Amino acid sequence: MPNFAYTARDMEGNRVSGTLAAATEREVISLLTAKSLFPIEVAGEKAKRSFGGGRRVGGQQMATIYAQLSSLLRSGVPLLRSLKVLKDQSSNARLTSMLDDIHSRVEDGATLADAMSRHPGAFNELAVSMIRAGGEGGFLEDALERVAQFTEEQEDLKGRTMGALAYPIFLSVIGFLVVAGLLIFFVPNFAEIFDQLKENNELPAITSWLLIFSDTVRKWWWVALLLGGFAFAWSRSYLATETGRRRADLLRLKVPLFGPIYKSLAVARFCRVLGTLIHNGVPILKSLDISREASGNKILSEAIGQASENISSGETLAIPLARSGHFPRTVVEMISVAEESNTLDQVLVNIADGLERRTSRRLDLAVRLLEPVMLLILAVIILLVVIALLLPVLKMSSTVG
C-alpha cells in the first residue's frame, strides 16, 4: 500500500505529523478519526521505487499504453481488466512488471494515478497529474487520450530536433578530432624545423603560440580529461539541487538563439494542459497546480504558482503572468481577452497550436543557420593552423633566397 504523510490536531489542539500506509486518502482520514485526530492535510508520499521504477521506458511505448488504456475504458472494459490486458500483451519485461504492480495496487484500492506515481521512469509527473485529475473529475478516458497525444507530440518533436541537430553534432565531433590530430601529431613535427628562427627571435607570434599550445595539449591532455570528468560530475550533482535547477532553467530561457524557442515550447505545453483541464471541468486553481509542472521549467512554474495565489485573492490570470515578464505579450493579451469572453479553454489550446507551429519553423531555421556557422568555425581554426605553419616556412625560404 502507498504511504501517506499527514498533519492533524489532537483533542488538545496540538499539531501531530506522521505517515500511514493505506489504500486511499479517505482511508487515512478514517484511521486518523478513529485515533481522535482531526486531519489538516493528507498527501501521498513519494514511495520508494520498485520493479525498476527509476529506469526509463520509451516515450513511444508509453504513448501506446495510454492510448490503448483509453480505448479499452471507452469500450466499457473495467479498469482492472484493462490493466490485465495491457500487462498480458506487453513484450517489454520491465513494462510488464510495472503494469503488474499497478494492477495489484489498484486491486488493493489505490487510485490509478497513485499506483502510476510509484514508477517515475515510465509515468512522469505531468501524466500522473492529468490522470489524477481525470479520475477525480470523471473524464479518465479523455485524460488518458490527451496524455497519449502529449507524449506522441513530445516524442515527435524530440525526434525532429535530434534529426536536425545530427549534422551539426557530427561536424563538431569531426572538427574536434581534426584539430586534436593537428595539434598532437602534425604540429610537433615542425618544432625542430623552426628552432633556428626561435633562437634568433624571428619566429612569428602566431606560430610560437601554436607550438606552445600543441606542447601543452600533448603533455597535459590527461589533466584536461580529469577536469572535464570532475566538471561533469559536479554539474550533475549541482543540477539535482533546487538552486542548480532554477539557475539552469533561467539560463535556458536566456541563452541566445535557442532560449526563445525553449520558452515558446514550455509556454505552449502549459497552455495546452491548462486549456484541456478547464475544458473538462477541473477548477482553475487545481488546473493551474497541475499545468505548472507541464512547462518543465522552474522559473515559469514559479510565475504560474504566483498567478495561482493572486487568482485566489480575486485577480485575473493575465495580470500576474504579464507581471512575471516570462510570458510573451501576445499570449498575455489573448488570455486577457479570453477571460473577459469566458472562452479561456478554447483560446489556450489555440495559443498552444500557434506557438508550436511558429516554434517548429524557428527551430528549423536555427538549425539551418547552425550548420554554416559550424563549418565556418572549423575552417577558421584550420586556416589559422596552416597560416601559423606557413609563415615561418615562407620566411626561411626568403632568407635562403
Protein backbone atom coordinates (compact mmCIF):
# COMPACT_ATOMS: atom_id res chain seq x y z
CA MET A 1 0.00 0.00 0.00
CA PRO A 2 1.18 3.56 -0.62
CA ASN A 3 2.32 5.70 2.29
CA PHE A 4 0.59 8.99 3.13
CA ALA A 5 2.06 11.87 5.08
CA TYR A 6 -0.46 13.59 7.32
CA THR A 7 -0.75 16.62 9.56
CA ALA A 8 -3.53 16.61 12.15
CA ARG A 9 -4.56 18.05 15.53
CA ASP A 10 -5.30 16.03 18.63
CA MET A 11 -8.06 16.65 21.17
CA GLU A 12 -5.93 19.32 22.90
CA GLY A 13 -5.25 21.22 19.68
CA ASN A 14 -1.62 20.14 19.28
CA ARG A 15 -0.26 19.52 15.77
CA VAL A 16 0.67 15.91 15.03
CA SER A 17 2.55 14.74 11.92
CA GLY A 18 3.42 11.29 10.67
CA THR A 19 2.85 8.69 7.96
CA LEU A 20 0.30 5.96 7.47
CA ALA A 21 0.05 3.08 4.98
CA ALA A 22 -3.39 2.99 3.40
CA ALA A 23 -5.09 2.34 0.08
CA THR A 24 -6.58 5.82 -0.31
CA GLU A 25 -6.61 9.24 1.31
CA ARG A 26 -10.15 8.58 2.52
CA GLU A 27 -8.91 5.52 4.43
CA VAL A 28 -6.16 7.64 6.03
CA ILE A 29 -8.76 10.16 7.20
CA SER A 30 -10.85 7.33 8.67
CA LEU A 31 -7.84 5.93 10.52
CA LEU A 32 -6.95 9.34 11.92
CA THR A 33 -10.52 9.97 13.03
CA ALA A 34 -10.53 6.60 14.80
CA LYS A 35 -7.45 7.79 16.73
CA SER A 36 -9.30 11.00 17.79
CA LEU A 37 -7.15 13.09 15.42
CA PHE A 38 -8.56 15.85 13.20
CA PRO A 39 -6.85 15.78 9.76
CA ILE A 40 -5.49 19.09 8.44
CA GLU A 41 -3.54 17.82 5.43
CA VAL A 42 -3.06 14.39 3.86
CA ALA A 43 -0.69 13.85 0.93
CA GLY A 44 0.77 10.78 -0.74
CA GLU A 45 4.49 10.36 -0.12
CA LYS A 46 6.85 9.68 -2.95
CA ALA A 47 7.16 6.00 -2.39
CA LYS A 48 10.32 4.04 -2.81
CA ARG A 49 10.59 2.85 -6.37
CA SER A 50 10.43 -0.81 -7.16
CA PHE A 51 10.36 -3.03 -10.20
CA GLY A 52 12.97 -0.85 -11.94
CA GLY A 53 10.84 2.25 -11.38
CA GLY A 54 13.82 4.60 -11.73
CA ARG A 55 14.69 3.33 -15.20
CA ARG A 56 13.24 4.92 -18.28
CA VAL A 57 10.72 3.42 -20.67
CA GLY A 58 10.49 4.67 -24.24
CA GLY A 59 8.09 7.57 -24.78
CA GLN A 60 6.51 5.91 -27.81
CA GLN A 61 5.77 2.79 -25.76
CA MET A 62 4.12 4.89 -23.07
CA ALA A 63 2.02 6.77 -25.65
CA THR A 64 0.76 3.43 -26.92
CA ILE A 65 -0.08 2.27 -23.37
CA TYR A 66 -2.06 5.46 -22.64
CA ALA A 67 -3.96 5.24 -25.95
CA GLN A 68 -4.80 1.56 -25.54
CA LEU A 69 -5.97 2.02 -21.95
CA SER A 70 -8.16 4.93 -23.04
CA SER A 71 -9.68 2.82 -25.85
CA LEU A 72 -10.38 -0.11 -23.52
CA LEU A 73 -12.09 2.11 -20.94
CA ARG A 74 -14.19 3.83 -23.63
CA SER A 75 -15.33 0.41 -24.81
CA GLY A 76 -16.67 -0.35 -21.34
CA VAL A 77 -13.88 -2.67 -20.18
CA PRO A 78 -13.34 -2.29 -16.40
CA LEU A 79 -10.09 -0.70 -15.27
CA LEU A 80 -8.64 -3.83 -13.61
CA ARG A 81 -9.40 -5.98 -16.64
CA SER A 82 -7.93 -3.31 -18.95
CA LEU A 83 -4.69 -3.24 -16.97
CA LYS A 84 -4.51 -7.04 -17.09
CA VAL A 85 -4.98 -7.00 -20.88
CA LEU A 86 -2.18 -4.45 -21.29
CA LYS A 87 0.09 -6.45 -18.97
CA ASP A 88 -0.53 -9.73 -20.81
CA GLN A 89 0.13 -8.28 -24.27
CA SER A 90 3.26 -6.31 -23.28
CA SER A 91 6.50 -7.68 -24.74
CA ASN A 92 8.70 -5.45 -22.56
CA ALA A 93 9.65 -7.25 -19.32
CA ARG A 94 10.24 -4.01 -17.42
CA LEU A 95 6.90 -2.55 -18.53
CA THR A 96 5.12 -5.82 -17.74
CA SER A 97 6.39 -5.78 -14.15
CA MET A 98 5.29 -2.15 -13.76
CA LEU A 99 1.80 -2.88 -15.11
CA ASP A 100 1.56 -5.90 -12.82
CA ASP A 101 2.45 -3.73 -9.82
CA ILE A 102 -0.08 -1.08 -10.87
CA HIS A 103 -2.78 -3.75 -11.31
CA SER A 104 -2.09 -5.12 -7.83
CA ARG A 105 -2.22 -1.71 -6.18
CA VAL A 106 -5.43 -0.67 -7.95
CA GLU A 107 -6.93 -4.01 -6.93
CA ASP A 108 -6.00 -3.19 -3.30
CA GLY A 109 -7.90 0.10 -3.54
CA ALA A 110 -5.28 2.63 -4.70
CA THR A 111 -6.16 5.09 -7.43
CA LEU A 112 -4.64 4.64 -10.88
CA ALA A 113 -2.62 7.86 -10.51
CA ASP A 114 -1.20 6.84 -7.12
CA ALA A 115 -0.18 3.44 -8.48
CA MET A 116 1.48 5.02 -11.53
CA SER A 117 3.33 7.61 -9.43
CA ARG A 118 5.46 4.81 -7.94
CA HIS A 119 7.16 4.38 -11.33
CA PRO A 120 8.53 7.78 -12.42
CA GLY A 121 10.78 6.16 -15.03
CA ALA A 122 7.65 5.35 -17.03
CA PHE A 123 4.96 7.74 -15.80
CA ASN A 124 6.13 11.36 -15.49
CA GLU A 125 4.62 13.96 -13.16
CA LEU A 126 2.52 15.57 -15.90
CA ALA A 127 0.94 12.25 -16.89
CA VAL A 128 0.22 11.32 -13.27
CA SER A 129 -1.30 14.76 -12.55
CA MET A 130 -3.52 14.62 -15.66
CA ILE A 131 -4.68 11.08 -14.86
CA ARG A 132 -5.35 12.03 -11.23
CA ALA A 133 -7.47 14.99 -12.39
CA GLY A 134 -9.28 12.75 -14.88
CA GLY A 135 -10.02 10.16 -12.23
CA GLU A 136 -11.35 12.74 -9.78
CA GLY A 137 -13.31 14.66 -12.43
CA GLY A 138 -14.83 11.67 -14.20
CA PHE A 139 -13.01 12.10 -17.53
CA LEU A 140 -10.30 9.47 -17.15
CA GLU A 141 -10.63 8.24 -20.75
CA ASP A 142 -10.20 11.79 -22.10
CA ALA A 143 -7.25 12.40 -19.78
CA LEU A 144 -5.50 9.22 -20.94
CA GLU A 145 -6.12 10.10 -24.59
CA ARG A 146 -4.75 13.60 -24.05
CA VAL A 147 -1.67 12.25 -22.24
CA ALA A 148 -1.10 9.85 -25.16
CA GLN A 149 -1.31 12.77 -27.59
CA PHE A 150 1.07 14.88 -25.48
CA THR A 151 3.57 12.04 -25.29
CA GLU A 152 3.43 11.39 -29.04
CA GLU A 153 3.89 15.08 -29.83
CA GLN A 154 6.81 15.32 -27.41
CA GLU A 155 8.50 12.26 -28.94
CA ASP A 156 7.90 13.61 -32.44
CA LEU A 157 9.43 16.97 -31.52
CA LYS A 158 12.38 15.25 -29.83
CA GLY A 159 12.94 13.09 -32.90
CA ARG A 160 12.79 16.05 -35.30
CA THR A 161 15.12 18.09 -33.10
CA MET A 162 17.70 15.32 -32.80
CA GLY A 163 17.46 14.67 -36.54
CA ALA A 164 18.05 18.34 -37.28
CA LEU A 165 20.97 18.56 -34.83
CA ALA A 166 22.63 15.35 -36.06
CA TYR A 167 24.67 17.08 -38.79
CA PRO A 168 25.91 19.99 -36.58
CA ILE A 169 26.88 17.49 -33.88
CA PHE A 170 28.70 15.38 -36.49
CA LEU A 171 30.56 18.48 -37.68
CA SER A 172 31.53 19.35 -34.10
CA VAL A 173 32.94 15.88 -33.43
CA ILE A 174 34.85 15.74 -36.73
CA GLY A 175 36.17 19.27 -36.17
CA PHE A 176 37.38 18.41 -32.68
CA LEU A 177 39.13 15.25 -33.92
CA VAL A 178 40.78 17.09 -36.82
CA VAL A 179 42.07 19.92 -34.62
CA ALA A 180 43.25 17.47 -31.93
CA GLY A 181 45.05 15.41 -34.57
CA LEU A 182 46.79 18.50 -35.96
CA LEU A 183 47.93 19.65 -32.51
CA ILE A 184 49.09 16.26 -31.25
CA PHE A 185 50.58 14.58 -34.33
CA PHE A 186 51.16 17.18 -37.08
CA VAL A 187 52.31 20.43 -35.47
CA PRO A 188 55.10 18.88 -33.27
CA ASN A 189 56.91 17.74 -36.45
CA PHE A 190 57.62 21.40 -37.28
CA ALA A 191 59.10 22.28 -33.87
CA GLU A 192 62.65 21.22 -34.77
CA ILE A 193 62.45 22.93 -38.17
CA PHE A 194 61.63 26.25 -36.51
CA ASP A 195 64.36 26.01 -33.80
CA GLN A 196 66.74 28.33 -35.67
CA LEU A 197 64.11 31.02 -36.13
CA LYS A 198 63.17 30.65 -32.47
CA GLU A 199 66.80 31.16 -31.35
CA ASN A 200 67.05 34.31 -33.47
CA ASN A 201 63.69 35.58 -32.12
CA GLU A 202 62.37 35.60 -35.68
CA LEU A 203 59.56 33.10 -35.12
CA PRO A 204 56.13 34.73 -35.75
CA ALA A 205 54.00 35.17 -32.63
CA ILE A 206 51.11 33.11 -34.01
CA THR A 207 53.49 30.19 -34.68
CA SER A 208 55.03 30.46 -31.22
CA TRP A 209 51.59 30.37 -29.58
CA LEU A 210 50.60 27.38 -31.71
CA LEU A 211 53.71 25.40 -30.68
CA ILE A 212 53.19 26.22 -27.00
CA PHE A 213 49.53 25.21 -27.18
CA SER A 214 50.38 21.98 -29.03
CA ASP A 215 53.06 21.09 -26.47
CA THR A 216 50.64 21.80 -23.59
CA VAL A 217 47.96 19.60 -25.13
CA ARG A 218 50.40 16.72 -25.68
CA LYS A 219 51.74 16.84 -22.12
CA TRP A 220 48.63 17.69 -20.11
CA TRP A 221 45.72 16.15 -22.03
CA TRP A 222 45.03 13.79 -19.11
CA VAL A 223 44.61 16.78 -16.76
CA ALA A 224 42.01 18.28 -19.11
CA LEU A 225 40.25 14.91 -19.21
CA LEU A 226 40.18 14.67 -15.40
CA LEU A 227 38.94 18.26 -15.06
CA GLY A 228 36.25 17.58 -17.66
CA GLY A 229 35.08 14.48 -15.78
CA PHE A 230 35.08 16.34 -12.47
CA ALA A 231 33.14 19.25 -14.00
CA PHE A 232 30.57 16.84 -15.45
CA ALA A 233 30.08 15.04 -12.13
CA TRP A 234 29.85 18.33 -10.20
CA SER A 235 27.36 19.83 -12.65
CA ARG A 236 25.12 16.76 -12.41
CA SER A 237 25.06 16.91 -8.61
CA TYR A 238 24.53 20.68 -8.64
CA LEU A 239 21.67 20.48 -11.15
CA ALA A 240 19.97 17.97 -8.86
CA THR A 241 19.61 20.70 -6.21
CA GLU A 242 16.79 23.25 -6.17
CA THR A 243 19.16 26.19 -6.68
CA GLY A 244 21.01 24.46 -9.51
CA ARG A 245 17.86 23.54 -11.36
CA ARG A 246 16.49 27.06 -11.01
CA ARG A 247 19.66 28.65 -12.40
CA ALA A 248 19.82 26.14 -15.24
CA ASP A 249 16.19 26.83 -16.16
CA LEU A 250 16.85 30.58 -16.09
CA LEU A 251 19.85 30.06 -18.38
CA ARG A 252 17.74 28.02 -20.78
CA LEU A 253 15.31 30.92 -21.10
CA LYS A 254 18.05 33.48 -21.77
CA VAL A 255 20.52 31.58 -23.99
CA PRO A 256 20.76 33.26 -27.44
CA LEU A 257 19.01 31.70 -30.44
CA PHE A 258 17.61 28.63 -28.65
CA GLY A 259 16.32 30.38 -25.49
CA PRO A 260 13.20 31.89 -27.14
CA ILE A 261 12.47 28.53 -28.81
CA TYR A 262 12.66 26.71 -25.49
CA LYS A 263 10.45 29.32 -23.81
CA SER A 264 7.80 29.12 -26.55
CA LEU A 265 7.60 25.32 -26.27
CA ALA A 266 7.32 25.49 -22.46
CA VAL A 267 4.54 28.11 -22.64
CA ALA A 268 2.76 26.05 -25.31
CA ARG A 269 2.78 22.95 -23.09
CA PHE A 270 1.42 24.94 -20.16
CA CYS A 271 -1.37 26.49 -22.24
CA ARG A 272 -2.43 23.17 -23.77
CA VAL A 273 -2.62 21.34 -20.44
CA LEU A 274 -4.42 24.22 -18.71
CA GLY A 275 -6.93 24.58 -21.56
CA THR A 276 -7.65 20.84 -21.59
CA LEU A 277 -8.21 20.70 -17.82
CA ILE A 278 -10.52 23.74 -17.77
CA HIS A 279 -12.47 22.34 -20.74
CA ASN A 280 -13.06 19.12 -18.78
CA GLY A 281 -14.44 21.00 -15.79
CA VAL A 282 -11.42 20.99 -13.47
CA PRO A 283 -11.43 24.12 -11.24
CA ILE A 284 -9.00 26.85 -12.31
CA LEU A 285 -6.83 26.64 -9.18
CA LYS A 286 -6.40 22.88 -9.42
CA SER A 287 -5.80 23.19 -13.17
CA LEU A 288 -3.03 25.71 -12.56
CA ASP A 289 -1.46 23.49 -9.92
CA ILE A 290 -1.32 20.58 -12.39
CA SER A 291 -0.34 22.54 -15.50
CA ARG A 292 2.50 24.47 -13.84
CA GLU A 293 4.56 21.26 -13.95
CA ALA A 294 3.81 20.87 -17.67
CA SER A 295 6.09 23.77 -18.55
CA GLY A 296 9.13 21.78 -17.39
CA ASN A 297 10.81 24.99 -16.24
CA LYS A 298 11.26 26.09 -12.62
CA ILE A 299 11.10 29.82 -13.42
CA LEU A 300 7.84 29.54 -15.37
CA SER A 301 6.44 27.20 -12.73
CA GLU A 302 7.10 29.80 -10.01
CA ALA A 303 5.42 32.50 -12.11
CA ILE A 304 2.36 30.29 -12.60
CA GLY A 305 2.30 29.49 -8.88
CA GLN A 306 2.29 33.22 -8.10
CA ALA A 307 -0.56 33.66 -10.58
CA SER A 308 -2.49 30.93 -8.78
CA GLU A 309 -2.09 32.75 -5.45
CA ASN A 310 -3.29 36.01 -7.00
CA ILE A 311 -6.32 34.30 -8.53
CA SER A 312 -7.24 33.05 -5.04
CA SER A 313 -7.47 36.69 -3.98
CA GLY A 314 -9.74 37.59 -6.90
CA GLU A 315 -7.26 38.71 -9.57
CA THR A 316 -7.34 37.58 -13.21
CA LEU A 317 -4.82 35.15 -14.71
CA ALA A 318 -3.40 37.53 -17.31
CA ILE A 319 -2.18 40.22 -14.87
CA PRO A 320 0.27 38.12 -12.78
CA LEU A 321 1.52 36.31 -15.91
CA ALA A 322 2.31 39.66 -17.53
CA ARG A 323 3.94 40.87 -14.31
CA SER A 324 6.36 37.92 -14.30
CA GLY A 325 7.90 39.06 -17.60
CA HIS A 326 8.39 35.49 -18.81
CA PHE A 327 5.25 35.17 -20.93
CA PRO A 328 5.02 36.74 -24.43
CA ARG A 329 2.87 39.86 -24.57
CA THR A 330 0.68 38.39 -27.33
CA VAL A 331 -0.07 35.35 -25.18
CA VAL A 332 -0.98 37.52 -22.19
CA GLU A 333 -3.27 39.71 -24.31
CA MET A 334 -5.08 36.69 -25.76
CA ILE A 335 -5.57 35.22 -22.26
CA SER A 336 -6.89 38.56 -21.02
CA VAL A 337 -9.48 38.79 -23.81
CA ALA A 338 -10.43 35.12 -23.34
CA GLU A 339 -11.10 35.68 -19.63
CA GLU A 340 -13.44 38.54 -20.45
CA SER A 341 -15.31 36.50 -23.07
CA ASN A 342 -15.32 33.29 -20.98
CA THR A 343 -13.57 31.27 -23.72
CA LEU A 344 -10.33 30.63 -21.85
CA ASP A 345 -10.20 26.87 -22.54
CA GLN A 346 -10.53 27.25 -26.33
CA VAL A 347 -8.14 30.19 -26.56
CA LEU A 348 -5.44 28.41 -24.52
CA VAL A 349 -5.47 25.44 -26.89
CA ASN A 350 -5.36 27.81 -29.89
CA ILE A 351 -2.39 29.62 -28.31
CA ALA A 352 -0.59 26.28 -27.88
CA ASP A 353 -1.23 25.31 -31.52
CA GLY A 354 0.05 28.66 -32.80
CA LEU A 355 3.15 28.66 -30.60
CA GLU A 356 4.10 25.13 -31.61
CA ARG A 357 3.75 25.90 -35.34
CA ARG A 358 5.86 29.06 -35.11
CA THR A 359 8.43 27.42 -32.86
CA SER A 360 8.83 24.50 -35.25
CA ARG A 361 9.66 26.91 -38.07
CA ARG A 362 12.09 28.86 -35.88
CA LEU A 363 13.80 25.65 -34.78
CA ASP A 364 14.32 24.55 -38.39
CA LEU A 365 15.74 27.98 -39.26
CA ALA A 366 18.06 27.99 -36.24
CA VAL A 367 19.47 24.57 -37.12
CA ARG A 368 19.98 25.62 -40.74
CA LEU A 369 21.95 28.64 -39.54
CA LEU A 370 23.96 26.48 -37.15
CA GLU A 371 25.36 24.27 -39.93
CA PRO A 372 27.24 27.01 -41.87
CA VAL A 373 28.40 28.58 -38.58
CA MET A 374 29.98 25.26 -37.52
CA LEU A 375 31.65 24.90 -40.94
CA LEU A 376 32.94 28.47 -40.74
CA ILE A 377 34.41 27.96 -37.24
CA LEU A 378 36.11 24.73 -38.34
CA ALA A 379 37.51 26.38 -41.47
CA VAL A 380 38.86 29.38 -39.49
CA ILE A 381 40.63 27.14 -36.94
CA ILE A 382 42.29 25.03 -39.66
CA LEU A 383 43.22 28.18 -41.60
CA LEU A 384 44.91 29.68 -38.53
CA VAL A 385 46.92 26.48 -38.03
CA VAL A 386 48.01 26.46 -41.70
CA ILE A 387 48.96 30.17 -41.60
CA ALA A 388 50.95 29.65 -38.37
CA LEU A 389 52.94 26.85 -40.04
CA LEU A 390 53.39 28.52 -43.43
CA LEU A 391 54.64 31.91 -42.20
CA PRO A 392 57.98 30.56 -40.84
CA VAL A 393 58.46 28.43 -43.99
CA LEU A 394 57.99 31.45 -46.22
CA LYS A 395 60.34 33.46 -44.01
CA MET A 396 63.04 30.78 -44.20
CA SER A 397 62.71 30.47 -47.96
CA SER A 398 63.03 34.25 -48.41
CA THR A 399 66.15 34.25 -46.22
CA VAL A 400 67.74 31.46 -48.26
CA GLY A 401 66.85 33.29 -51.49
